[in-house]
Amino acid sequence: MSDVLPPYSYPGPLLETRTLGRLRVHAIQAGGQQLDGGAMFGVVPKTLWSRRLAADDKNRIPMGMRCLLIEHEHGLVLLDTGSGNKETAKFHDIYAIENRGAEGRTALEDGIRAAGFTPDDVSVVINTHLHFDHAGGNTWRAPSGEVLPSFPNARYVVQRGEVAYAEHPNERTTASYFPANWSPVVANGRFEFVSGAVEILPGVSVRPTPGHTPHHQSVLVRSGGETLCFLGDVVPTTHHLPLPWIMGYDVEPLVTLESKRALLADAVREDWLLVFEHDSHVGFGRVVHDGKTYRLSE
């Protein structure tokens, strides 16, 4: 199979910009992928989830790989990096990944440029976790074949426990963790490992939301009395807002349940703006609890 893939053509806008207090934030659709619907909804039967999302003939549903670019006074901050350019056409076919931008770039780089910046302008990269569709764009494969940090002037941030977990995968987790996505950054001395809830920059902090992985984190951005939460995989799409709708990919689903319960309660109480990383169409949204379940507000 040829490694020449078609350019990005996934549904939904490549770039969606909002104002949060004094900050401008850009949701960048870094590409699309399709994953098995049963795996994405765990114990929820297909008779229920298929009312929300139609599956293809391989039982796959459409998903995005949305990243967030924050124009912060202390530098440009990028939350997650999509799947990158290092994997083969066969790998892209398995997961139906579309992430190619114009002129050999990735869709993520095209989105960064559409916002008025380049990868060299990024000061901080925060990974929710190190799975290939969230950290693959941390590094890139140069024409020489060498794998290099994609953001040469940035420091990268992830939970210390996450990198330890990623570096010792088991038979179930090994398909999601590829050392090339973080090892070159570590070798360049640019990865910063944090533990627990930490403020990375004024108004930008990480909050542990374990379950999908034991050390998964979400990112909170606060400015001018407003709060945004970049959810990562604790609530990957708007269709996962009901508490028991949890991915089969989660290694600790009952832990995910409690992470969601606490996070969404805070989101409703404080009227947070949420960013849904894997939703193929909905990037931003606020939620309410209608007495029975969580759902998007009108």
Protein backbone atom coordinates (compact mmCIF):
# COMPACT_ATOMS: atom_id res chain seq x y z
CA MET A 1 0.00 0.00 0.00
CA SER A 2 1.30 3.44 -0.91
CA ASP A 3 2.22 5.89 1.85
CA VAL A 4 0.82 8.74 -0.26
CA LEU A 5 -2.44 9.67 1.42
CA PRO A 6 -5.10 12.18 0.37
CA PRO A 7 -5.20 15.55 2.16
CA TYR A 8 -7.46 16.25 5.09
CA SER A 9 -11.14 16.37 4.13
CA TYR A 10 -12.85 15.54 7.43
CA PRO A 11 -16.25 17.11 8.24
CA GLY A 12 -16.44 20.17 10.44
CA PRO A 13 -14.38 23.36 10.46
CA LEU A 14 -10.60 23.11 10.60
CA LEU A 15 -10.48 26.11 12.94
CA GLU A 16 -13.06 27.45 15.40
CA THR A 17 -12.13 30.50 17.50
CA ARG A 18 -13.68 31.73 20.75
CA THR A 19 -12.89 34.42 23.31
CA LEU A 20 -12.48 33.40 26.94
CA GLY A 21 -12.11 36.44 29.17
CA ARG A 22 -8.97 38.14 27.89
CA LEU A 23 -7.80 35.09 25.92
CA ARG A 24 -8.39 33.93 22.38
CA VAL A 25 -8.64 30.16 22.00
CA HIS A 26 -8.68 28.18 18.76
CA ALA A 27 -10.12 24.68 18.45
CA ILE A 28 -8.16 22.99 15.66
CA GLN A 29 -9.53 19.85 14.07
CA ALA A 30 -6.24 17.98 13.67
CA GLY A 31 -7.88 15.29 11.59
CA GLY A 32 -10.49 12.59 11.67
CA GLN A 33 -10.52 8.94 12.52
CA GLN A 34 -13.07 6.15 12.73
CA LEU A 35 -13.17 3.69 15.61
CA ASP A 36 -15.40 0.74 16.40
CA GLY A 37 -18.66 1.98 17.86
CA GLY A 38 -18.88 -0.84 20.36
CA ALA A 39 -15.41 -0.04 21.67
CA MET A 40 -16.28 3.65 21.91
CA PHE A 41 -19.41 3.04 24.00
CA GLY A 42 -18.41 0.05 26.11
CA VAL A 43 -21.38 -1.64 27.77
CA VAL A 44 -23.94 0.65 26.10
CA PRO A 45 -25.75 -1.52 23.51
CA LYS A 46 -25.68 -0.59 19.86
CA THR A 47 -29.46 -0.23 19.85
CA LEU A 48 -28.91 2.88 22.01
CA TRP A 49 -25.72 4.47 20.68
CA SER A 50 -26.66 3.94 17.03
CA ARG A 51 -29.58 6.34 17.53
CA ARG A 52 -26.97 9.07 17.98
CA LEU A 53 -24.25 8.00 15.54
CA ALA A 54 -24.53 5.85 12.44
CA ALA A 55 -21.82 3.24 11.98
CA ASP A 56 -20.27 2.26 8.65
CA ASP A 57 -20.17 -1.29 7.27
CA LYS A 58 -17.20 -2.01 9.55
CA ASN A 59 -19.13 -0.78 12.63
CA ARG A 60 -16.92 2.31 12.85
CA ILE A 61 -18.16 5.76 13.87
CA PRO A 62 -16.73 9.16 12.86
CA MET A 63 -14.50 10.94 15.38
CA GLY A 64 -12.35 14.03 15.37
CA MET A 65 -8.94 14.77 16.88
CA ARG A 66 -9.49 18.29 18.15
CA CYS A 67 -6.64 20.25 19.74
CA LEU A 68 -6.77 23.65 21.44
CA LEU A 69 -4.43 26.57 20.81
CA ILE A 70 -4.43 29.28 23.50
CA GLU A 71 -3.09 32.78 22.96
CA HIS A 72 -1.69 33.35 26.45
CA GLU A 73 0.28 36.40 27.61
CA HIS A 74 3.15 34.08 28.61
CA GLY A 75 3.25 32.32 25.25
CA LEU A 76 1.26 30.17 22.88
CA VAL A 77 -0.12 27.01 24.53
CA LEU A 78 -1.20 23.88 22.63
CA LEU A 79 -3.37 21.18 24.21
CA ASP A 80 -2.78 17.75 22.62
CA THR A 81 -1.27 17.25 19.18
CA GLY A 82 -3.30 14.73 17.18
CA SER A 83 -1.75 11.72 15.45
CA GLY A 84 1.25 13.26 13.65
CA ASN A 85 2.93 12.19 10.41
CA LYS A 86 5.00 9.18 11.45
CA GLU A 87 2.65 6.22 10.92
CA THR A 88 2.21 4.12 7.78
CA ALA A 89 -0.62 4.12 5.29
CA LYS A 90 -1.66 0.70 6.65
CA PHE A 91 -1.99 2.19 10.14
CA HIS A 92 -4.01 5.11 8.75
CA ASP A 93 -6.29 2.66 6.96
CA ILE A 94 -6.95 0.60 10.09
CA TYR A 95 -8.15 3.66 12.02
CA ALA A 96 -9.42 5.57 8.95
CA ILE A 97 -7.20 8.49 9.91
CA GLU A 98 -7.36 11.64 7.79
CA ASN A 99 -4.85 14.21 8.99
CA ARG A 100 -2.86 15.35 5.97
CA GLY A 101 -2.69 19.08 5.36
CA ALA A 102 -1.53 21.04 2.36
CA GLU A 103 1.98 20.74 0.90
CA GLY A 104 2.99 17.80 3.09
CA ARG A 105 1.93 19.42 6.36
CA THR A 106 -0.43 17.90 8.91
CA ALA A 107 -3.93 19.29 9.46
CA LEU A 108 -2.74 20.44 12.90
CA GLU A 109 0.00 22.58 11.39
CA ASP A 110 -2.47 23.97 8.86
CA GLY A 111 -4.76 24.91 11.74
CA ILE A 112 -1.94 26.59 13.66
CA ARG A 113 -1.06 28.57 10.54
CA ALA A 114 -4.71 29.47 9.93
CA ALA A 115 -4.74 30.98 13.43
CA GLY A 116 -1.77 33.16 12.42
CA PHE A 117 1.12 31.21 13.93
CA THR A 118 3.70 28.53 13.16
CA PRO A 119 4.87 25.52 15.20
CA ASP A 120 7.96 27.53 16.20
CA ASP A 121 5.69 29.98 18.05
CA VAL A 122 4.32 27.38 20.47
CA SER A 123 5.75 27.81 23.99
CA VAL A 124 3.96 25.05 25.90
CA VAL A 125 2.44 21.73 24.82
CA ILE A 126 0.22 19.94 27.34
CA ASN A 127 -0.75 16.31 26.71
CA THR A 128 -3.85 14.92 28.39
CA HIS A 129 -2.16 11.52 28.00
CA LEU A 130 0.23 9.81 25.59
CA HIS A 131 -2.01 7.71 23.34
CA PHE A 132 -1.09 8.01 19.65
CA ASP A 133 -4.13 10.14 18.72
CA HIS A 134 -3.34 12.70 21.45
CA ALA A 135 0.47 12.79 21.41
CA GLY A 136 1.42 11.57 17.93
CA GLY A 137 1.96 15.14 16.78
CA ASN A 138 4.44 15.80 19.60
CA THR A 139 7.12 14.72 17.14
CA TRP A 140 7.50 14.51 13.39
CA ARG A 141 9.46 12.40 10.94
CA ALA A 142 11.80 14.60 8.91
CA PRO A 143 12.60 13.77 5.26
CA SER A 144 15.87 12.29 6.55
CA GLY A 145 13.88 9.78 8.60
CA GLU A 146 14.91 11.33 11.90
CA VAL A 147 12.13 11.87 14.45
CA LEU A 148 12.27 15.34 16.03
CA PRO A 149 10.13 17.44 18.38
CA SER A 150 7.42 19.17 16.34
CA PHE A 151 7.56 22.30 18.50
CA PRO A 152 11.25 23.07 18.96
CA ASN A 153 10.78 26.05 21.25
CA ALA A 154 8.17 24.49 23.52
CA ARG A 155 8.29 22.69 26.83
CA TYR A 156 5.96 19.71 26.95
CA VAL A 157 3.90 18.77 30.02
CA VAL A 158 2.32 15.47 31.07
CA GLN A 159 1.67 13.64 34.32
CA ARG A 160 4.76 11.83 35.59
CA GLY A 161 2.71 8.69 36.16
CA GLU A 162 1.46 8.74 32.57
CA VAL A 163 4.91 8.53 31.03
CA ALA A 164 5.87 5.75 33.44
CA TYR A 165 2.68 3.89 32.50
CA ALA A 166 3.32 4.44 28.79
CA GLU A 167 6.87 3.15 29.03
CA HIS A 168 5.72 -0.14 30.59
CA PRO A 169 2.72 -1.19 28.49
CA ASN A 170 0.98 -4.52 28.79
CA GLU A 171 -0.72 -6.66 26.15
CA ARG A 172 -3.80 -4.44 26.19
CA THR A 173 -2.18 -1.00 26.20
CA THR A 174 0.78 -1.51 23.88
CA ALA A 175 -1.26 -0.72 20.75
CA SER A 176 -1.86 2.84 21.98
CA TYR A 177 1.61 3.86 23.19
CA PHE A 178 4.43 4.55 20.72
CA PRO A 179 7.72 5.73 22.28
CA ALA A 180 8.55 7.85 19.21
CA ASN A 181 5.79 10.20 20.33
CA TRP A 182 7.64 11.23 23.48
CA SER A 183 11.19 9.80 23.58
CA PRO A 184 12.74 12.43 21.25
CA VAL A 185 11.20 15.18 23.41
CA VAL A 186 12.64 13.60 26.55
CA ALA A 187 16.03 13.23 24.84
CA ASN A 188 15.96 16.96 24.04
CA GLY A 189 15.25 17.78 27.71
CA ARG A 190 11.93 19.38 26.85
CA PHE A 191 9.44 17.16 28.71
CA GLU A 192 8.28 18.39 32.11
CA PHE A 193 6.62 15.79 34.32
CA VAL A 194 4.09 16.99 36.89
CA SER A 195 2.17 15.20 39.62
CA GLY A 196 -1.45 15.92 40.44
CA ALA A 197 -3.23 19.24 40.01
CA VAL A 198 -0.67 21.86 38.95
CA GLU A 199 -0.85 25.38 37.52
CA ILE A 200 1.28 25.37 34.36
CA LEU A 201 0.87 29.08 33.56
CA PRO A 202 -1.27 31.72 35.28
CA GLY A 203 -4.85 30.60 34.65
CA VAL A 204 -3.85 27.33 32.93
CA SER A 205 -3.86 24.25 35.15
CA VAL A 206 -4.13 20.49 34.86
CA ARG A 207 -6.65 18.39 36.78
CA PRO A 208 -6.23 14.62 37.13
CA THR A 209 -9.21 12.81 35.58
CA PRO A 210 -8.11 9.18 35.72
CA GLY A 211 -9.89 6.18 34.28
CA HIS A 212 -9.20 6.20 30.56
CA THR A 213 -5.61 5.79 31.70
CA PRO A 214 -4.57 5.83 35.36
CA HIS A 215 -2.89 9.23 34.97
CA HIS A 216 -5.11 10.97 32.43
CA GLN A 217 -5.52 14.72 32.97
CA SER A 218 -7.88 17.41 31.72
CA VAL A 219 -6.88 21.06 31.33
CA LEU A 220 -8.63 24.07 32.91
CA VAL A 221 -8.23 27.56 31.45
CA ARG A 222 -9.50 30.53 33.45
CA SER A 223 -9.64 34.17 32.39
CA GLY A 224 -11.88 37.13 33.24
CA GLY A 225 -14.18 35.08 35.45
CA GLU A 226 -14.74 32.42 32.77
CA THR A 227 -13.56 28.80 32.76
CA LEU A 228 -12.90 26.43 29.88
CA CYS A 229 -12.20 22.72 30.32
CA PHE A 230 -10.37 20.71 27.68
CA LEU A 231 -11.77 17.31 28.53
CA GLY A 232 -9.47 14.91 26.74
CA ASP A 233 -10.85 11.37 26.92
CA VAL A 234 -12.79 11.61 30.17
CA VAL A 235 -15.73 12.79 28.01
CA PRO A 236 -14.48 12.29 24.44
CA THR A 237 -17.65 13.38 22.61
CA THR A 238 -20.96 15.03 23.41
CA HIS A 239 -22.50 11.56 23.12
CA HIS A 240 -20.50 10.49 26.20
CA LEU A 241 -22.07 13.05 28.54
CA PRO A 242 -24.35 10.50 30.29
CA LEU A 243 -22.35 9.13 33.20
CA PRO A 244 -22.47 5.42 32.27
CA TRP A 245 -21.56 6.05 28.61
CA ILE A 246 -17.89 5.15 28.98
CA MET A 247 -15.46 3.86 26.39
CA GLY A 248 -14.46 0.22 26.28
CA TYR A 249 -10.92 1.52 25.76
CA ASP A 250 -10.83 2.86 29.35
CA VAL A 251 -8.57 0.70 31.51
CA GLU A 252 -10.41 1.67 34.71
CA PRO A 253 -14.02 2.42 33.71
CA LEU A 254 -15.36 2.73 37.25
CA VAL A 255 -12.66 5.30 37.97
CA THR A 256 -13.73 7.14 34.80
CA LEU A 257 -17.27 7.17 36.18
CA GLU A 258 -16.19 9.04 39.30
CA SER A 259 -13.92 11.40 37.34
CA LYS A 260 -16.88 12.28 35.09
CA ARG A 261 -19.26 12.65 38.02
CA ALA A 262 -17.04 15.19 39.76
CA LEU A 263 -15.96 17.05 36.63
CA LEU A 264 -19.42 17.48 35.12
CA ALA A 265 -20.90 18.56 38.44
CA ASP A 266 -18.30 21.34 38.59
CA ALA A 267 -18.93 22.22 34.95
CA VAL A 268 -22.65 22.70 35.56
CA ARG A 269 -22.22 24.56 38.84
CA GLU A 270 -19.66 26.99 37.42
CA ASP A 271 -21.01 27.13 33.83
CA TRP A 272 -17.78 25.96 32.20
CA LEU A 273 -17.23 26.02 28.45
CA LEU A 274 -16.20 22.48 27.47
CA VAL A 275 -14.05 21.32 24.55
CA PHE A 276 -14.90 17.87 23.17
CA GLU A 277 -11.72 16.45 21.66
CA HIS A 278 -13.12 13.52 19.69
CA ASP A 279 -16.51 14.84 18.62
CA SER A 280 -16.54 14.95 14.82
CA HIS A 281 -18.65 18.11 14.68
CA VAL A 282 -19.21 19.76 18.07
CA GLY A 283 -16.12 21.51 19.40
CA PHE A 284 -17.42 23.73 22.20
CA GLY A 285 -20.42 23.37 24.48
CA ARG A 286 -21.90 23.95 27.91
CA VAL A 287 -23.83 21.32 29.83
CA VAL A 288 -26.83 21.10 32.12
CA HIS A 289 -28.23 18.34 34.29
CA ASP A 290 -31.93 17.82 33.56
CA GLY A 291 -32.58 15.83 36.74
CA LYS A 292 -31.76 12.55 35.06
CA THR A 293 -28.66 12.99 32.94
CA TYR A 294 -26.13 15.46 31.60
CA ARG A 295 -26.72 16.98 28.17
CA LEU A 296 -25.69 19.96 26.10
CA SER A 297 -27.48 23.16 27.00
CA GLU A 298 -29.61 24.70 24.27
